[in-house]
C-alpha cells in the first residue's frame, strides 16, 4: 500500500505528478497570468453535484513508447481555461511534453500554446 501511495505522489509517471507540473508551468507563464488573473487554481471534471474529481487522463502505448494525454481546468480572477497536454516517455524513462496548450473560455475565444514539440517527436 505504501509503495502505491509513494508511486502515485512522487513518481514522474503518475497522472498526479504530470498534472502538478503542468499546473506550475501555467501559473508561471506571464501571458496566462495576464489573461486569467491571479490567483490561478486548477481542478478536474465536475460531478453532477458540483464536486471536483480527478483530472481526466488517458495512458497508452504506441510502438513500444508510453504516452499520456490529459485535460484539466484552470481558473483565475478574470477568466477560466481548459488545459490540454500530451507527454511522451523519453529514452531516460522521463516524460517530455509533446504539447501543452490552454483554451480560454469567454469572448474573444483564445488559445495560448506553452509548448508544441509534435513536429520534433
Protein backbone atom coordinates (compact mmCIF):
# COMPACT_ATOMS: atom_id res chain seq x y z
CA UNK A 1 0.00 0.00 0.00
CA UNK A 2 2.81 2.43 0.85
CA UNK A 3 4.51 1.70 -2.48
CA UNK A 4 1.33 2.56 -4.38
CA UNK A 5 0.89 5.82 -2.49
CA UNK A 6 4.57 6.74 -2.92
CA UNK A 7 4.47 5.93 -6.65
CA UNK A 8 1.30 7.97 -7.19
CA UNK A 9 2.55 11.05 -5.36
CA UNK A 10 6.24 11.14 -6.23
CA UNK A 11 6.75 9.24 -9.48
CA UNK A 12 7.27 11.29 -12.63
CA UNK A 13 4.95 8.87 -14.43
CA UNK A 14 1.87 9.34 -12.29
CA UNK A 15 -1.03 11.44 -13.59
CA UNK A 16 -0.84 13.47 -10.39
CA UNK A 17 2.78 14.50 -11.00
CA UNK A 18 2.12 15.36 -14.66
CA UNK A 19 -0.88 17.46 -13.57
CA UNK A 20 1.15 19.25 -10.87
CA UNK A 21 3.99 20.03 -13.27
CA UNK A 22 1.64 21.33 -15.97
CA UNK A 23 -0.26 23.48 -13.47
CA UNK A 24 3.03 25.02 -12.28
CA UNK A 25 4.01 25.80 -15.89
CA UNK A 26 0.64 27.50 -16.42
CA UNK A 27 0.97 29.55 -13.23
CA UNK A 28 4.48 30.67 -14.24
CA UNK A 29 3.53 31.82 -17.76
CA UNK A 30 3.06 35.63 -17.84
CA UNK A 31 0.57 35.55 -20.73
CA UNK A 32 -1.70 33.07 -18.97
CA UNK A 33 -1.49 35.08 -15.74
CA UNK A 34 -2.41 38.23 -17.70
CA UNK A 35 -5.41 36.59 -19.41
CA UNK A 36 -6.78 34.68 -16.40
CA UNK A 37 -5.81 36.89 -13.46
CA UNK A 38 -4.34 35.74 -10.18
CA UNK A 39 -4.54 33.51 -8.22
CA UNK A 40 -4.75 30.60 -10.66
CA UNK A 41 -6.21 27.34 -9.38
CA UNK A 42 -6.56 24.02 -11.17
CA UNK A 43 -9.14 21.25 -10.89
CA UNK A 44 -10.56 18.20 -12.65
CA UNK A 45 -14.01 17.35 -14.00
CA UNK A 46 -17.08 18.35 -12.01
CA UNK A 47 -19.70 15.84 -10.95
CA UNK A 48 -23.42 16.48 -11.23
CA UNK A 49 -23.37 17.67 -7.61
CA UNK A 50 -20.65 20.23 -8.33
CA UNK A 51 -17.80 18.29 -6.70
CA UNK A 52 -14.44 18.23 -8.43
CA UNK A 53 -12.93 14.89 -9.37
CA UNK A 54 -9.53 13.78 -10.56
CA UNK A 55 -8.20 15.16 -13.81
CA UNK A 56 -9.14 13.33 -16.98
CA UNK A 57 -6.23 11.37 -18.44
CA UNK A 58 -5.52 8.54 -20.86
CA UNK A 59 -2.36 6.44 -20.82
CA UNK A 60 -1.48 4.46 -23.94
CA UNK A 61 1.43 2.79 -25.70
CA UNK A 62 2.37 3.24 -29.36
CA UNK A 63 5.35 1.49 -30.98
CA UNK A 64 6.65 0.49 -27.55
CA UNK A 65 6.63 4.09 -26.22
CA UNK A 66 4.38 5.25 -23.36
CA UNK A 67 2.21 8.34 -23.80
CA UNK A 68 -0.29 10.20 -21.62
CA UNK A 69 -2.95 12.71 -22.64
CA UNK A 70 -4.60 14.89 -20.05
CA UNK A 71 -7.27 17.56 -19.75
CA UNK A 72 -7.97 19.74 -16.73
CA UNK A 73 -9.34 23.17 -15.94
CA UNK A 74 -7.76 26.33 -14.59
CA UNK A 75 -9.42 29.44 -13.25
CA UNK A 76 -8.22 32.90 -12.36
CA UNK A 77 -9.94 36.01 -11.04
CA UNK A 78 -10.96 37.16 -14.56
CA UNK A 79 -11.40 34.08 -16.73
CA UNK A 80 -11.37 30.28 -16.99
CA UNK A 81 -9.48 27.95 -19.29
CA UNK A 82 -9.06 24.31 -20.30
CA UNK A 83 -5.56 22.81 -20.35
CA UNK A 84 -4.77 20.11 -22.93
CA UNK A 85 -1.48 18.22 -22.89
CA UNK A 86 0.27 15.12 -24.10
CA UNK A 87 3.54 13.71 -22.78
CA UNK A 88 5.82 11.06 -24.27
CA UNK A 89 8.32 8.87 -22.42
CA UNK A 90 11.92 9.55 -23.49
CA UNK A 91 14.89 7.16 -23.52
CA UNK A 92 15.75 8.05 -19.91
CA UNK A 93 12.27 6.98 -18.81
CA UNK A 94 11.00 10.51 -18.12
CA UNK A 95 8.09 12.31 -19.74
CA UNK A 96 8.60 15.14 -22.26
CA UNK A 97 5.77 17.39 -23.40
CA UNK A 98 4.56 16.85 -26.95
CA UNK A 99 2.16 19.77 -26.47
CA UNK A 100 0.77 21.91 -23.68
CA UNK A 101 -1.90 24.49 -24.50
CA UNK A 102 -4.68 26.41 -22.80
CA UNK A 103 -8.03 27.21 -24.44
CA UNK A 104 -9.53 30.32 -22.85
CA UNK A 105 -13.27 30.47 -22.20
CA UNK A 106 -15.38 33.50 -22.95
CA UNK A 107 -15.12 36.19 -25.57
CA UNK A 108 -12.92 36.56 -27.52
CA UNK A 109 -12.03 32.87 -27.83
CA UNK A 110 -8.29 32.45 -27.47
CA UNK A 111 -5.60 29.80 -27.06
CA UNK A 112 -2.15 30.01 -25.52
CA UNK A 113 0.42 27.45 -26.61
CA UNK A 114 3.05 26.90 -23.94
CA UNK A 115 4.86 24.03 -25.70
CA UNK A 116 4.42 22.34 -29.07
CA UNK A 117 7.01 19.70 -29.93
CA UNK A 118 4.85 17.47 -32.14
CA UNK A 119 6.97 18.07 -35.24
CA UNK A 120 10.17 17.05 -33.45
CA UNK A 121 8.89 13.91 -31.67
